[in-house]
Structure formats: structure tokens, C-alpha cells
């Protein structure tokens, strides 16, 4: 768990755009994985000052000073144990106490939720603890993190969860690789694109989600459904599988059909399932 140069910059941009970091809760006591000089430059762009020696070459502590620089007046961290000096102990597999609901301006998770087996309850807990007008920030692994935790996630999950029905609206969904110099890509809602958004990569990928709470409605009272299935279920009549329709005209020549399928698969992997798919992934500025 920790904050890298990408998440630090995205948080600083959120501050610059008016997000209030008054009362902050970290899920897990987040490490800071950015050099102090680099962090000082990032914060300076947002009009903030790093509350430590910015000439130091490394920062090996927790991320509390970053949130203090972003304007936090209260900084707490939640974990199932005290081994990383978390200030609040709670197992996120279990529902939070009623008194914790709508308590924080910002809830930040930099890699805790994928380690919680009861993910729907853990996510509901995180969403419930945000005040109306507050933000939930999630920085999660989506590709090439097999074995790191219980889960890795799809962008579709966040588009379906952070909706008005659950009292939220999405403000940003950004995907990038772990390369510190990697580009950022805003993700399109699969429901708008009317297509699944799939992504293959050589390097591990992260997704940064910024969601604003807009109402005190019950969270996840109804479980989300994947958008393409929801559309298919509402369509009347029998549907012929796309792959069959696409290639049935080639069945008279099976070798050619096999080659066509192979070429089509290669095209999908290199174009539609990559950042080259501009309908799904739009490059954005880091400022």
C-alpha cells in the first residue's frame, strides 16, 4: 500500500480543483513512495507546501505529511491491526459502526480493498464514511497484479458502483502503468461506448478513481450489473453470438476462416484491447 508519483500528482490536481481535504481517512496506513524533491514540485503546482525538508532525496515514512500539505486538519488511518500504527482498528470484512458514517471529507485507498475478501462490504464501508460533498479516492491494480491480493479490478466495476442510485457521481477514472513516466488515460464508461472496455498490457496497470458523494442514499442496496449484460437482458428475441455471425460466411472454407479468426484476434489485442483504442482511453494532461 502506498502513494506513488502518479497518485500524488492526481491528489494535488484534485486539491487545485477545489477538493476539501479537511478530515481524511486512509484505508491502511499509506506509505509515501515519492522522493521529497519531486513531491515538493508536485505540491507547489497546487499551491501547497511540503511540511518537511524538501532537499531530502527519499521519504521513507507514511503519507500523513502529504495529506497535511493538501490541507487536512485531521488525518486518520484504518487497518485490521496496529502493525503499521493505524489510528483506527477495524476489519473491513465487517460493517462499520453507525457512528462512522458520513464522517470524513476524504477517504483514500491506495491498495487495501483488493486484500479484503468481503469486497462488497469493504467498498460499502468506504463509501459510507464519506460526507455529502466529500470524495472517495481509490488507487487500485487492474492488470498484471495476479497474486498480489485477492482481486484485481475492471473499470466497469467503478462506473457501475459510483452512480446516483448509490449517492455518488464519478469525477475521474484514470488508468496508467507503474512506469513513473507513463501517460495517463481517462476511461470512457462502457455503457456510453456500448461495448466492453478490455485492456492488455506488458506492465502492471493502476486505476485511479475520484468519486464525489452527492446524497445520503443507502449504498449498494441493489447489486450492480455489468452494462452489456443489462442491455442484452432488456433486448427481446434470440441473439446470434457475434463471433458466429461474423464468420459464418467463411465456413465454406475452414482454413481461411481459421486464418481470419487469428488475424481478427491479433487486431483486437493490438488495437481494441490497448491504449491505442481512443474511444475507450483518452490521453489527458498531468496538470
C-alpha atoms as a PDB file:
ATOM      1  CA  UNK A   1       0.000   0.000   0.000  1.00  0.00           C
ATOM      2  CA  UNK A   2       1.313   3.407  -0.820  1.00  0.00           C
ATOM      3  CA  UNK A   3       1.212   6.618  -2.800  1.00  0.00           C
ATOM      4  CA  UNK A   4       3.394   6.843  -5.901  1.00  0.00           C
ATOM      5  CA  UNK A   5       4.205   9.812  -8.095  1.00  0.00           C
ATOM      6  CA  UNK A   6       1.026   9.331 -10.162  1.00  0.00           C
ATOM      7  CA  UNK A   7      -1.399   9.207  -7.235  1.00  0.00           C
ATOM      8  CA  UNK A   8       0.412  12.101  -5.531  1.00  0.00           C
ATOM      9  CA  UNK A   9       0.013  14.228  -8.653  1.00  0.00           C
ATOM     10  CA  UNK A  10      -3.650  13.247  -9.077  1.00  0.00           C
ATOM     11  CA  UNK A  11      -4.366  14.172  -5.456  1.00  0.00           C
ATOM     12  CA  UNK A  12      -2.599  17.509  -5.919  1.00  0.00           C
ATOM     13  CA  UNK A  13      -4.693  18.201  -9.023  1.00  0.00           C
ATOM     14  CA  UNK A  14      -7.834  17.407  -7.018  1.00  0.00           C
ATOM     15  CA  UNK A  15      -6.728  19.950  -4.409  1.00  0.00           C
ATOM     16  CA  UNK A  16      -6.052  22.508  -7.134  1.00  0.00           C
ATOM     17  CA  UNK A  17      -9.576  21.941  -8.474  1.00  0.00           C
ATOM     18  CA  UNK A  18     -11.158  22.665  -5.121  1.00  0.00           C
ATOM     19  CA  UNK A  19     -11.412  19.352  -3.249  1.00  0.00           C
ATOM     20  CA  UNK A  20     -11.550  19.859   0.526  1.00  0.00           C
ATOM     21  CA  UNK A  21      -9.113  17.585   2.397  1.00  0.00           C
ATOM     22  CA  UNK A  22     -10.282  18.642   5.876  1.00  0.00           C
ATOM     23  CA  UNK A  23     -10.913  15.301   7.594  1.00  0.00           C
ATOM     24  CA  UNK A  24      -9.029  12.446   5.923  1.00  0.00           C
ATOM     25  CA  UNK A  25      -9.187   8.691   6.479  1.00  0.00           C
ATOM     26  CA  UNK A  26      -6.693   6.350   4.831  1.00  0.00           C
ATOM     27  CA  UNK A  27      -7.657   2.700   4.394  1.00  0.00           C
ATOM     28  CA  UNK A  28      -4.427   1.183   5.592  1.00  0.00           C
ATOM     29  CA  UNK A  29      -1.628   3.440   6.785  1.00  0.00           C
ATOM     30  CA  UNK A  30      -0.356   4.501   3.383  1.00  0.00           C
ATOM     31  CA  UNK A  31       3.364   4.610   2.615  1.00  0.00           C
ATOM     32  CA  UNK A  32       4.867   7.519   0.679  1.00  0.00           C
ATOM     33  CA  UNK A  33       6.825   6.277  -2.340  1.00  0.00           C
ATOM     34  CA  UNK A  34       7.888   9.592  -3.872  1.00  0.00           C
ATOM     35  CA  UNK A  35      11.137  11.473  -3.387  1.00  0.00           C
ATOM     36  CA  UNK A  36      10.745  14.634  -1.341  1.00  0.00           C
ATOM     37  CA  UNK A  37      12.034  16.981  -4.096  1.00  0.00           C
ATOM     38  CA  UNK A  38       9.587  15.503  -6.621  1.00  0.00           C
ATOM     39  CA  UNK A  39       6.732  15.746  -4.146  1.00  0.00           C
ATOM     40  CA  UNK A  40       7.623  19.346  -3.321  1.00  0.00           C
ATOM     41  CA  UNK A  41       7.385  20.239  -7.030  1.00  0.00           C
ATOM     42  CA  UNK A  42       4.021  18.475  -7.372  1.00  0.00           C
ATOM     43  CA  UNK A  43       2.601  20.273  -4.343  1.00  0.00           C
ATOM     44  CA  UNK A  44       3.997  23.607  -5.477  1.00  0.00           C
ATOM     45  CA  UNK A  45       1.961  23.312  -8.691  1.00  0.00           C
ATOM     46  CA  UNK A  46      -1.143  23.010  -6.491  1.00  0.00           C
ATOM     47  CA  UNK A  47      -0.154  25.986  -4.330  1.00  0.00           C
ATOM     48  CA  UNK A  48       0.817  23.782  -1.374  1.00  0.00           C
ATOM     49  CA  UNK A  49       3.994  23.459   0.679  1.00  0.00           C
ATOM     50  CA  UNK A  50       5.596  20.213   1.790  1.00  0.00           C
ATOM     51  CA  UNK A  51       5.865  20.218   5.618  1.00  0.00           C
ATOM     52  CA  UNK A  52       9.329  18.676   5.684  1.00  0.00           C
ATOM     53  CA  UNK A  53      12.844  19.109   4.302  1.00  0.00           C
ATOM     54  CA  UNK A  54      12.274  19.128   0.542  1.00  0.00           C
ATOM     55  CA  UNK A  55      16.013  18.743  -0.077  1.00  0.00           C
ATOM     56  CA  UNK A  56      15.921  15.152   1.203  1.00  0.00           C
ATOM     57  CA  UNK A  57      16.349  12.540  -1.514  1.00  0.00           C
ATOM     58  CA  UNK A  58      13.887   9.976  -0.146  1.00  0.00           C
ATOM     59  CA  UNK A  59      10.828   9.820   2.005  1.00  0.00           C
ATOM     60  CA  UNK A  60      10.530   6.515   3.814  1.00  0.00           C
ATOM     61  CA  UNK A  61       7.640   7.302   6.140  1.00  0.00           C
ATOM     62  CA  UNK A  62       3.865   7.306   5.956  1.00  0.00           C
ATOM     63  CA  UNK A  63       1.773   9.633   3.794  1.00  0.00           C
ATOM     64  CA  UNK A  64       0.352  11.755   6.629  1.00  0.00           C
ATOM     65  CA  UNK A  65       2.533  14.807   5.745  1.00  0.00           C
ATOM     66  CA  UNK A  66       1.225  14.722   2.164  1.00  0.00           C
ATOM     67  CA  UNK A  67      -2.374  14.998   3.332  1.00  0.00           C
ATOM     68  CA  UNK A  68      -1.371  17.715   5.786  1.00  0.00           C
ATOM     69  CA  UNK A  69       0.142  19.648   2.874  1.00  0.00           C
ATOM     70  CA  UNK A  70      -3.129  19.208   0.968  1.00  0.00           C
ATOM     71  CA  UNK A  71      -4.963  20.925   3.809  1.00  0.00           C
ATOM     72  CA  UNK A  72      -6.057  18.085   6.081  1.00  0.00           C
ATOM     73  CA  UNK A  73      -6.795  19.160   9.653  1.00  0.00           C
ATOM     74  CA  UNK A  74      -7.442  15.607  10.862  1.00  0.00           C
ATOM     75  CA  UNK A  75      -5.655  12.549   9.450  1.00  0.00           C
ATOM     76  CA  UNK A  76      -6.597   9.040  10.486  1.00  0.00           C
ATOM     77  CA  UNK A  77      -5.723   5.586   9.185  1.00  0.00           C
ATOM     78  CA  UNK A  78      -7.760   2.394   9.446  1.00  0.00           C
ATOM     79  CA  UNK A  79      -6.455  -1.162   9.445  1.00  0.00           C
ATOM     80  CA  UNK A  80      -7.358  -4.579  10.832  1.00  0.00           C
ATOM     81  CA  UNK A  81      -4.321  -4.452  13.127  1.00  0.00           C
ATOM     82  CA  UNK A  82      -1.917  -1.953  14.648  1.00  0.00           C
ATOM     83  CA  UNK A  83       1.248  -3.275  13.000  1.00  0.00           C
ATOM     84  CA  UNK A  84       1.570  -0.149  10.823  1.00  0.00           C
ATOM     85  CA  UNK A  85       0.493   2.241  13.586  1.00  0.00           C
ATOM     86  CA  UNK A  86      -3.018   2.736  12.204  1.00  0.00           C
ATOM     87  CA  UNK A  87      -5.067   5.042  14.414  1.00  0.00           C
ATOM     88  CA  UNK A  88      -8.328   3.095  13.946  1.00  0.00           C
ATOM     89  CA  UNK A  89      -8.627  -0.690  14.094  1.00  0.00           C
ATOM     90  CA  UNK A  90     -11.437  -2.380  12.187  1.00  0.00           C
ATOM     91  CA  UNK A  91     -11.770  -5.427   9.937  1.00  0.00           C
ATOM     92  CA  UNK A  92     -13.266  -4.122   6.689  1.00  0.00           C
ATOM     93  CA  UNK A  93     -14.832  -7.536   6.091  1.00  0.00           C
ATOM     94  CA  UNK A  94     -17.355  -6.417   8.709  1.00  0.00           C
ATOM     95  CA  UNK A  95     -19.770  -3.445   8.540  1.00  0.00           C
ATOM     96  CA  UNK A  96     -18.580  -0.239  10.189  1.00  0.00           C
ATOM     97  CA  UNK A  97     -20.295   1.203  13.289  1.00  0.00           C
ATOM     98  CA  UNK A  98     -23.167   3.565  12.557  1.00  0.00           C
ATOM     99  CA  UNK A  99     -21.280   6.466  14.165  1.00  0.00           C
ATOM    100  CA  UNK A 100     -18.587   6.300  11.455  1.00  0.00           C
ATOM    101  CA  UNK A 101     -20.966   7.038   8.594  1.00  0.00           C
ATOM    102  CA  UNK A 102     -20.518  10.333   6.697  1.00  0.00           C
ATOM    103  CA  UNK A 103     -17.630  11.330   8.962  1.00  0.00           C
ATOM    104  CA  UNK A 104     -14.837  12.256   6.530  1.00  0.00           C
ATOM    105  CA  UNK A 105     -14.244  14.762   3.752  1.00  0.00           C
ATOM    106  CA  UNK A 106     -11.847  12.341   2.046  1.00  0.00           C
ATOM    107  CA  UNK A 107     -11.480   8.574   2.248  1.00  0.00           C
ATOM    108  CA  UNK A 108      -8.386   7.353   0.416  1.00  0.00           C
ATOM    109  CA  UNK A 109      -7.462   3.791  -0.503  1.00  0.00           C
ATOM    110  CA  UNK A 110      -4.094   3.197  -2.110  1.00  0.00           C
ATOM    111  CA  UNK A 111      -4.280  -0.588  -2.302  1.00  0.00           C
ATOM    112  CA  UNK A 112      -6.185  -2.025   0.658  1.00  0.00           C
ATOM    113  CA  UNK A 113      -9.530  -3.129  -0.756  1.00  0.00           C
ATOM    114  CA  UNK A 114      -8.064  -5.836  -3.004  1.00  0.00           C
ATOM    115  CA  UNK A 115      -6.778  -7.561   0.147  1.00  0.00           C
ATOM    116  CA  UNK A 116     -10.219  -7.736   1.790  1.00  0.00           C
ATOM    117  CA  UNK A 117     -12.074 -10.951   0.979  1.00  0.00           C
ATOM    118  CA  UNK A 118     -15.541  -9.481   1.547  1.00  0.00           C
ATOM    119  CA  UNK A 119     -15.013  -6.795  -1.067  1.00  0.00           C
ATOM    120  CA  UNK A 120     -18.632  -5.568  -1.411  1.00  0.00           C
ATOM    121  CA  UNK A 121     -18.832  -4.919   2.340  1.00  0.00           C
ATOM    122  CA  UNK A 122     -15.414  -3.237   2.363  1.00  0.00           C
ATOM    123  CA  UNK A 123     -16.367  -0.977  -0.550  1.00  0.00           C
ATOM    124  CA  UNK A 124     -19.700  -0.133   1.065  1.00  0.00           C
ATOM    125  CA  UNK A 125     -17.845   0.776   4.264  1.00  0.00           C
ATOM    126  CA  UNK A 126     -15.537   3.121   2.368  1.00  0.00           C
ATOM    127  CA  UNK A 127     -18.439   4.773   0.546  1.00  0.00           C
ATOM    128  CA  UNK A 128     -20.498   5.125   3.726  1.00  0.00           C
ATOM    129  CA  UNK A 129     -17.741   7.001   5.581  1.00  0.00           C
ATOM    130  CA  UNK A 130     -17.662   9.901   3.090  1.00  0.00           C
ATOM    131  CA  UNK A 131     -19.650  13.049   3.840  1.00  0.00           C
ATOM    132  CA  UNK A 132     -22.018  14.573   1.308  1.00  0.00           C
ATOM    133  CA  UNK A 133     -19.786  16.696  -0.919  1.00  0.00           C
ATOM    134  CA  UNK A 134     -16.733  14.668   0.103  1.00  0.00           C
ATOM    135  CA  UNK A 135     -14.569  12.437  -2.073  1.00  0.00           C
ATOM    136  CA  UNK A 136     -13.596   8.801  -2.197  1.00  0.00           C
ATOM    137  CA  UNK A 137     -10.248   8.191  -3.897  1.00  0.00           C
ATOM    138  CA  UNK A 138      -9.298   4.663  -4.951  1.00  0.00           C
ATOM    139  CA  UNK A 139      -5.934   3.699  -6.441  1.00  0.00           C
ATOM    140  CA  UNK A 140      -6.163   0.021  -7.394  1.00  0.00           C
ATOM    141  CA  UNK A 141      -4.357  -2.538  -9.536  1.00  0.00           C
ATOM    142  CA  UNK A 142      -6.209  -3.602 -12.688  1.00  0.00           C
ATOM    143  CA  UNK A 143      -3.701  -5.556 -14.818  1.00  0.00           C
ATOM    144  CA  UNK A 144      -0.767  -7.888 -14.104  1.00  0.00           C
ATOM    145  CA  UNK A 145      -1.275  -7.961 -10.341  1.00  0.00           C
ATOM    146  CA  UNK A 146      -2.237 -11.640 -10.139  1.00  0.00           C
ATOM    147  CA  UNK A 147      -1.253 -12.996  -6.714  1.00  0.00           C
ATOM    148  CA  UNK A 148      -0.825  -9.576  -5.112  1.00  0.00           C
ATOM    149  CA  UNK A 149      -4.182  -9.653  -3.354  1.00  0.00           C
ATOM    150  CA  UNK A 150      -7.491 -11.461  -3.567  1.00  0.00           C
ATOM    151  CA  UNK A 151      -8.638  -9.346  -6.525  1.00  0.00           C
ATOM    152  CA  UNK A 152      -7.732  -7.015  -9.356  1.00  0.00           C
ATOM    153  CA  UNK A 153     -10.430  -4.814 -10.843  1.00  0.00           C
ATOM    154  CA  UNK A 154     -12.092  -3.728 -14.082  1.00  0.00           C
ATOM    155  CA  UNK A 155     -13.016  -0.101 -14.859  1.00  0.00           C
ATOM    156  CA  UNK A 156     -16.596  -1.302 -15.401  1.00  0.00           C
ATOM    157  CA  UNK A 157     -16.893  -2.009 -11.666  1.00  0.00           C
ATOM    158  CA  UNK A 158     -16.373   1.620 -10.705  1.00  0.00           C
ATOM    159  CA  UNK A 159     -18.652   3.026 -13.404  1.00  0.00           C
ATOM    160  CA  UNK A 160     -21.482   0.808 -12.181  1.00  0.00           C
ATOM    161  CA  UNK A 161     -20.921   1.396  -8.451  1.00  0.00           C
ATOM    162  CA  UNK A 162     -20.407   5.176  -8.345  1.00  0.00           C
ATOM    163  CA  UNK A 163     -23.814   6.289  -9.581  1.00  0.00           C
ATOM    164  CA  UNK A 164     -26.705   8.410  -8.337  1.00  0.00           C
ATOM    165  CA  UNK A 165     -28.524   5.311  -7.097  1.00  0.00           C
ATOM    166  CA  UNK A 166     -25.679   4.850  -4.593  1.00  0.00           C
ATOM    167  CA  UNK A 167     -25.403   8.572  -3.822  1.00  0.00           C
ATOM    168  CA  UNK A 168     -22.251   9.187  -5.875  1.00  0.00           C
ATOM    169  CA  UNK A 169     -21.007  10.669  -9.116  1.00  0.00           C
ATOM    170  CA  UNK A 170     -17.725   9.831 -10.825  1.00  0.00           C
ATOM    171  CA  UNK A 171     -15.356  12.738 -11.428  1.00  0.00           C
ATOM    172  CA  UNK A 172     -12.277  10.928 -12.754  1.00  0.00           C
ATOM    173  CA  UNK A 173     -11.273   7.436 -13.857  1.00  0.00           C
ATOM    174  CA  UNK A 174      -7.614   7.428 -14.924  1.00  0.00           C
ATOM    175  CA  UNK A 175      -5.527   4.417 -15.962  1.00  0.00           C
ATOM    176  CA  UNK A 176      -1.720   4.356 -16.162  1.00  0.00           C
ATOM    177  CA  UNK A 177       1.145   1.896 -15.946  1.00  0.00           C
ATOM    178  CA  UNK A 178       3.505   1.694 -12.966  1.00  0.00           C
ATOM    179  CA  UNK A 179       6.224   3.370 -15.036  1.00  0.00           C
ATOM    180  CA  UNK A 180       6.765   6.731 -13.263  1.00  0.00           C
ATOM    181  CA  UNK A 181       6.871   8.474 -16.663  1.00  0.00           C
ATOM    182  CA  UNK A 182       3.748   6.750 -18.023  1.00  0.00           C
ATOM    183  CA  UNK A 183       0.958   8.657 -19.744  1.00  0.00           C
ATOM    184  CA  UNK A 184      -2.485   8.966 -18.192  1.00  0.00           C
ATOM    185  CA  UNK A 185      -5.659   7.855 -19.915  1.00  0.00           C
ATOM    186  CA  UNK A 186      -9.207   8.843 -18.980  1.00  0.00           C
ATOM    187  CA  UNK A 187     -11.506   5.839 -19.342  1.00  0.00           C
ATOM    188  CA  UNK A 188     -14.858   6.001 -21.137  1.00  0.00           C
ATOM    189  CA  UNK A 189     -17.912   4.473 -19.474  1.00  0.00           C
ATOM    190  CA  UNK A 190     -18.592   1.111 -21.194  1.00  0.00           C
ATOM    191  CA  UNK A 191     -22.323   1.884 -21.040  1.00  0.00           C
ATOM    192  CA  UNK A 192     -21.752   5.025 -23.151  1.00  0.00           C
ATOM    193  CA  UNK A 193     -19.464   3.176 -25.549  1.00  0.00           C
ATOM    194  CA  UNK A 194     -21.964   0.281 -25.655  1.00  0.00           C
ATOM    195  CA  UNK A 195     -19.035  -2.091 -25.565  1.00  0.00           C
ATOM    196  CA  UNK A 196     -16.795  -3.785 -23.064  1.00  0.00           C
ATOM    197  CA  UNK A 197     -13.557  -1.945 -22.369  1.00  0.00           C
ATOM    198  CA  UNK A 198     -10.811  -4.545 -22.207  1.00  0.00           C
ATOM    199  CA  UNK A 199      -7.115  -3.892 -21.814  1.00  0.00           C
ATOM    200  CA  UNK A 200      -3.958  -5.976 -22.153  1.00  0.00           C
ATOM    201  CA  UNK A 201      -0.533  -4.691 -21.138  1.00  0.00           C
ATOM    202  CA  UNK A 202       3.078  -5.676 -20.607  1.00  0.00           C
ATOM    203  CA  UNK A 203       3.461  -3.682 -17.394  1.00  0.00           C
ATOM    204  CA  UNK A 204       1.220  -3.687 -14.319  1.00  0.00           C
ATOM    205  CA  UNK A 205      -1.532  -1.085 -14.602  1.00  0.00           C
ATOM    206  CA  UNK A 206      -3.242   1.063 -11.976  1.00  0.00           C
ATOM    207  CA  UNK A 207      -6.624   2.753 -11.960  1.00  0.00           C
ATOM    208  CA  UNK A 208      -7.248   5.995 -10.050  1.00  0.00           C
ATOM    209  CA  UNK A 209     -10.883   6.722  -9.229  1.00  0.00           C
ATOM    210  CA  UNK A 210     -12.229  10.012  -7.863  1.00  0.00           C
ATOM    211  CA  UNK A 211     -15.894   9.962  -6.823  1.00  0.00           C
ATOM    212  CA  UNK A 212     -17.974  12.640  -5.082  1.00  0.00           C
ATOM    213  CA  UNK A 213     -20.771  11.829  -2.670  1.00  0.00           C
ATOM    214  CA  UNK A 214     -23.913  13.696  -3.667  1.00  0.00           C
ATOM    215  CA  UNK A 215     -26.593  12.162  -1.413  1.00  0.00           C
ATOM    216  CA  UNK A 216     -27.038  10.136   1.764  1.00  0.00           C
ATOM    217  CA  UNK A 217     -28.830   7.314  -0.030  1.00  0.00           C
ATOM    218  CA  UNK A 218     -28.252   3.678   1.028  1.00  0.00           C
ATOM    219  CA  UNK A 219     -25.096   2.332  -0.616  1.00  0.00           C
ATOM    220  CA  UNK A 220     -25.236  -0.859  -2.708  1.00  0.00           C
ATOM    221  CA  UNK A 221     -28.775  -1.652  -1.658  1.00  0.00           C
ATOM    222  CA  UNK A 222     -29.090  -3.207  -5.103  1.00  0.00           C
ATOM    223  CA  UNK A 223     -26.084  -5.009  -6.597  1.00  0.00           C
ATOM    224  CA  UNK A 224     -24.737  -3.582  -9.893  1.00  0.00           C
ATOM    225  CA  UNK A 225     -24.928  -5.488 -13.176  1.00  0.00           C
ATOM    226  CA  UNK A 226     -22.366  -5.358 -15.978  1.00  0.00           C
ATOM    227  CA  UNK A 227     -23.654  -2.897 -18.570  1.00  0.00           C
ATOM    228  CA  UNK A 228     -23.516  -5.104 -21.667  1.00  0.00           C
ATOM    229  CA  UNK A 229     -25.428  -7.887 -19.925  1.00  0.00           C
ATOM    230  CA  UNK A 230     -28.031  -5.437 -18.638  1.00  0.00           C
ATOM    231  CA  UNK A 231     -28.539  -4.260 -22.223  1.00  0.00           C
ATOM    232  CA  UNK A 232     -28.691  -7.812 -23.583  1.00  0.00           C
ATOM    233  CA  UNK A 233     -31.255  -8.884 -20.984  1.00  0.00           C
ATOM    234  CA  UNK A 234     -33.513  -5.990 -21.938  1.00  0.00           C
ATOM    235  CA  UNK A 235     -33.366  -6.907 -25.641  1.00  0.00           C
ATOM    236  CA  UNK A 236     -36.155  -9.135 -26.925  1.00  0.00           C
ATOM    237  CA  UNK A 237     -35.638 -12.046 -29.284  1.00  0.00           C
ATOM    238  CA  UNK A 238     -32.887 -14.610 -29.648  1.00  0.00           C
ATOM    239  CA  UNK A 239     -29.419 -13.269 -30.305  1.00  0.00           C
ATOM    240  CA  UNK A 240     -26.885 -14.993 -32.526  1.00  0.00           C
ATOM    241  CA  UNK A 241     -23.417 -14.934 -30.926  1.00  0.00           C
ATOM    242  CA  UNK A 242     -21.319 -12.217 -32.528  1.00  0.00           C
ATOM    243  CA  UNK A 243     -18.421 -14.474 -33.407  1.00  0.00           C
ATOM    244  CA  UNK A 244     -20.738 -16.885 -35.242  1.00  0.00           C
ATOM    245  CA  UNK A 245     -22.418 -14.112 -37.234  1.00  0.00           C
ATOM    246  CA  UNK A 246     -19.076 -12.532 -38.050  1.00  0.00           C
ATOM    247  CA  UNK A 247     -17.502 -15.628 -39.540  1.00  0.00           C
ATOM    248  CA  UNK A 248     -20.379 -17.852 -40.688  1.00  0.00           C
ATOM    249  CA  UNK A 249     -19.958 -16.695 -44.284  1.00  0.00           C
ATOM    250  CA  UNK A 250     -16.463 -18.202 -44.242  1.00  0.00           C
ATOM    251  CA  UNK A 251     -17.497 -21.666 -43.139  1.00  0.00           C
ATOM    252  CA  UNK A 252     -17.267 -22.937 -46.702  1.00  0.00           C
ATOM    253  CA  UNK A 253     -13.513 -22.527 -46.417  1.00  0.00           C
ATOM    254  CA  UNK A 254     -12.416 -23.593 -42.956  1.00  0.00           C
ATOM    255  CA  UNK A 255      -8.676 -22.843 -43.388  1.00  0.00           C
ATOM    256  CA  UNK A 256      -9.475 -19.295 -44.468  1.00  0.00           C
ATOM    257  CA  UNK A 257     -11.948 -18.931 -41.611  1.00  0.00           C
ATOM    258  CA  UNK A 258      -9.289 -20.064 -39.134  1.00  0.00           C
ATOM    259  CA  UNK A 259      -6.808 -17.539 -40.512  1.00  0.00           C
ATOM    260  CA  UNK A 260      -9.428 -14.783 -40.390  1.00  0.00           C
ATOM    261  CA  UNK A 261     -10.169 -15.542 -36.751  1.00  0.00           C
ATOM    262  CA  UNK A 262      -6.468 -15.493 -35.877  1.00  0.00           C
ATOM    263  CA  UNK A 263      -5.924 -12.164 -37.651  1.00  0.00           C
ATOM    264  CA  UNK A 264      -9.019 -10.689 -36.041  1.00  0.00           C
ATOM    265  CA  UNK A 265      -7.789 -11.767 -32.605  1.00  0.00           C
ATOM    266  CA  UNK A 266      -4.384 -10.176 -33.231  1.00  0.00           C
ATOM    267  CA  UNK A 267      -6.058  -6.952 -34.361  1.00  0.00           C
ATOM    268  CA  UNK A 268      -8.220  -6.866 -31.226  1.00  0.00           C
ATOM    269  CA  UNK A 269      -5.212  -7.415 -28.982  1.00  0.00           C
ATOM    270  CA  UNK A 270      -3.142  -4.666 -30.587  1.00  0.00           C
ATOM    271  CA  UNK A 271      -5.890  -2.110 -31.227  1.00  0.00           C
ATOM    272  CA  UNK A 272      -9.117  -2.526 -29.297  1.00  0.00           C
ATOM    273  CA  UNK A 273      -7.543  -4.050 -26.169  1.00  0.00           C
ATOM    274  CA  UNK A 274      -4.818  -1.407 -25.786  1.00  0.00           C
ATOM    275  CA  UNK A 275      -4.353   2.303 -25.130  1.00  0.00           C
ATOM    276  CA  UNK A 276      -4.488   2.723 -28.923  1.00  0.00           C
ATOM    277  CA  UNK A 277      -8.276   2.444 -28.593  1.00  0.00           C
ATOM    278  CA  UNK A 278      -9.010   6.168 -28.335  1.00  0.00           C
ATOM    279  CA  UNK A 279     -12.745   5.628 -27.955  1.00  0.00           C
ATOM    280  CA  UNK A 280     -12.067   3.895 -24.640  1.00  0.00           C
ATOM    281  CA  UNK A 281      -8.841   5.551 -23.466  1.00  0.00           C
ATOM    282  CA  UNK A 282      -8.247   9.278 -23.954  1.00  0.00           C
ATOM    283  CA  UNK A 283      -4.785  10.717 -23.132  1.00  0.00           C
ATOM    284  CA  UNK A 284      -5.006  13.514 -20.555  1.00  0.00           C
ATOM    285  CA  UNK A 285      -2.655  16.127 -19.155  1.00  0.00           C
ATOM    286  CA  UNK A 286      -0.836  15.607 -15.875  1.00  0.00           C
ATOM    287  CA  UNK A 287      -1.502  19.183 -14.798  1.00  0.00           C
END
